[in-house]
Amino acid sequence: MLITYVQTEITKLDKNTQNAFPVGLVGTYQWTDKKIDLVELIYAIHTATSINKGKVELSEIADIFGQVFNKDLSNIYRIYSEIKNRKNPTQYLDTLKESLLEKIDEELGN
C-alpha cells in the first residue's frame, strides 16, 4: 500500500511539473506598460483565438501572462469594462501596429 501511495504522489508531482513554467521564467520579466494595455492585449489574443484555436479560457490566458510578467490580473473583467468605455478601445493595439510599421519602414529605408 505504501508503494502504491508513493507512486501515486510521484505521478501527481510529475503532472504538476509538466504544467509549470521554467524556474527562470516566472518573475524574471516585468510588464512595463500599463496594466490596462496588458489586458487589452490578452483580450485581443483570446478574441482572435490565437491560443489553442480558441479552446482556452480568458482567465487561463490572464493567469499565464500574470505569472510571466508578475502582474496581478484578478480584476481583468473590470479593466475590460474600462477598455470598452474608452474613446478608442484599441489604443494599445493601434500603438503596437504603428510601432511595427515604423520599424519596418526604417529597415526598408522608407
Protein backbone atom coordinates (compact mmCIF):
# COMPACT_ATOMS: atom_id res chain seq x y z
CA MET A 1 0.00 0.00 0.00
CA LEU A 2 2.83 2.36 0.81
CA ILE A 3 4.48 1.75 -2.55
CA THR A 4 1.20 2.43 -4.36
CA TYR A 5 0.69 5.64 -2.40
CA VAL A 6 4.22 6.90 -3.12
CA GLN A 7 3.89 6.06 -6.83
CA THR A 8 0.57 7.94 -6.99
CA GLU A 9 2.10 11.01 -5.34
CA ILE A 10 5.10 10.93 -7.68
CA THR A 11 2.74 10.79 -10.66
CA LYS A 12 0.86 13.84 -9.34
CA LEU A 13 4.12 15.74 -8.92
CA ASP A 14 5.23 14.84 -12.44
CA LYS A 15 1.96 16.18 -13.90
CA ASN A 16 2.27 19.44 -11.93
CA THR A 17 5.88 19.88 -13.03
CA GLN A 18 4.97 19.48 -16.69
CA ASN A 19 2.46 22.34 -16.48
CA ALA A 20 4.71 24.72 -14.55
CA PHE A 21 6.76 27.47 -16.15
CA PRO A 22 10.53 27.04 -16.22
CA VAL A 23 12.07 28.30 -12.99
CA GLY A 24 13.89 31.17 -14.71
CA LEU A 25 10.76 32.43 -16.48
CA VAL A 26 8.48 33.35 -13.60
CA GLY A 27 9.35 36.67 -12.00
CA THR A 28 12.15 37.38 -14.48
CA TYR A 29 10.17 39.67 -16.75
CA GLN A 30 8.19 42.76 -15.76
CA TRP A 31 5.37 44.30 -17.76
CA THR A 32 6.45 47.93 -18.05
CA ASP A 33 3.44 49.38 -19.84
CA LYS A 34 0.10 49.99 -18.16
CA LYS A 35 -1.90 47.07 -16.80
CA ILE A 36 -4.83 48.12 -18.98
CA ASP A 37 -2.57 47.66 -22.03
CA LEU A 38 -1.77 44.11 -21.00
CA VAL A 39 -5.46 43.36 -20.52
CA GLU A 40 -6.22 44.80 -23.97
CA LEU A 41 -3.57 42.51 -25.45
CA ILE A 42 -4.91 39.47 -23.59
CA TYR A 43 -8.46 40.12 -24.78
CA ALA A 44 -7.24 40.58 -28.36
CA ILE A 45 -5.33 37.28 -28.27
CA HIS A 46 -8.33 35.50 -26.78
CA THR A 47 -10.80 37.05 -29.24
CA ALA A 48 -8.58 36.15 -32.20
CA THR A 49 -8.47 32.53 -30.94
CA SER A 50 -4.67 32.65 -31.22
CA ILE A 51 -4.04 30.11 -28.44
CA ASN A 52 -5.21 26.51 -28.78
CA LYS A 53 -7.53 27.59 -31.61
CA GLY A 54 -9.66 29.43 -29.05
CA LYS A 55 -10.13 26.44 -26.80
CA VAL A 56 -8.74 28.19 -23.74
CA GLU A 57 -10.48 30.33 -21.17
CA LEU A 58 -9.71 34.01 -20.94
CA SER A 59 -8.85 33.55 -17.27
CA GLU A 60 -6.23 30.92 -18.20
CA ILE A 61 -4.54 33.31 -20.62
CA ALA A 62 -4.63 36.02 -17.95
CA ASP A 63 -3.06 33.61 -15.46
CA ILE A 64 -0.25 32.80 -17.88
CA PHE A 65 0.50 36.46 -18.62
CA GLY A 66 0.15 37.33 -14.94
CA GLN A 67 2.70 34.72 -13.94
CA VAL A 68 5.17 35.54 -16.70
CA PHE A 69 5.03 39.30 -16.11
CA ASN A 70 4.48 39.18 -12.35
CA LYS A 71 1.19 41.12 -12.57
CA ASP A 72 -2.00 40.61 -10.58
CA LEU A 73 -4.71 40.28 -13.22
CA SER A 74 -7.50 39.16 -10.91
CA ASN A 75 -9.55 42.21 -11.93
CA ILE A 76 -9.30 41.61 -15.69
CA TYR A 77 -13.07 41.81 -16.25
CA ARG A 78 -13.34 45.22 -14.54
CA ILE A 79 -10.40 46.51 -16.55
CA TYR A 80 -12.07 45.27 -19.74
CA SER A 81 -15.11 47.37 -18.86
CA GLU A 82 -12.81 50.39 -18.74
CA ILE A 83 -11.41 49.47 -22.16
CA LYS A 84 -14.88 49.25 -23.67
CA ASN A 85 -15.74 52.72 -22.33
CA ARG A 86 -12.67 54.48 -23.73
CA LYS A 87 -12.99 56.76 -26.73
CA ASN A 88 -10.55 54.44 -28.56
CA PRO A 89 -10.89 50.95 -27.08
CA THR A 90 -7.95 49.59 -29.10
CA GLN A 91 -5.44 52.33 -28.38
CA TYR A 92 -2.68 49.95 -27.25
CA LEU A 93 -3.13 47.64 -30.22
CA ASP A 94 -3.06 50.68 -32.50
CA THR A 95 0.21 51.78 -30.87
CA LEU A 96 1.70 48.32 -31.40
CA LYS A 97 0.71 48.38 -35.06
CA GLU A 98 2.17 51.86 -35.57
CA SER A 99 5.43 50.88 -33.86
CA LEU A 100 5.84 47.79 -36.00
CA LEU A 101 5.07 49.65 -39.22
CA GLU A 102 7.64 52.35 -38.30
CA LYS A 103 10.28 49.69 -37.65
CA ILE A 104 9.57 48.01 -40.98
CA ASP A 105 9.70 51.34 -42.79
CA GLU A 106 13.04 52.17 -41.16
CA GLU A 107 14.51 48.82 -42.10
CA LEU A 108 13.30 49.17 -45.68
CA GLY A 109 14.76 52.67 -45.84
CA ASN A 110 11.43 54.43 -46.34
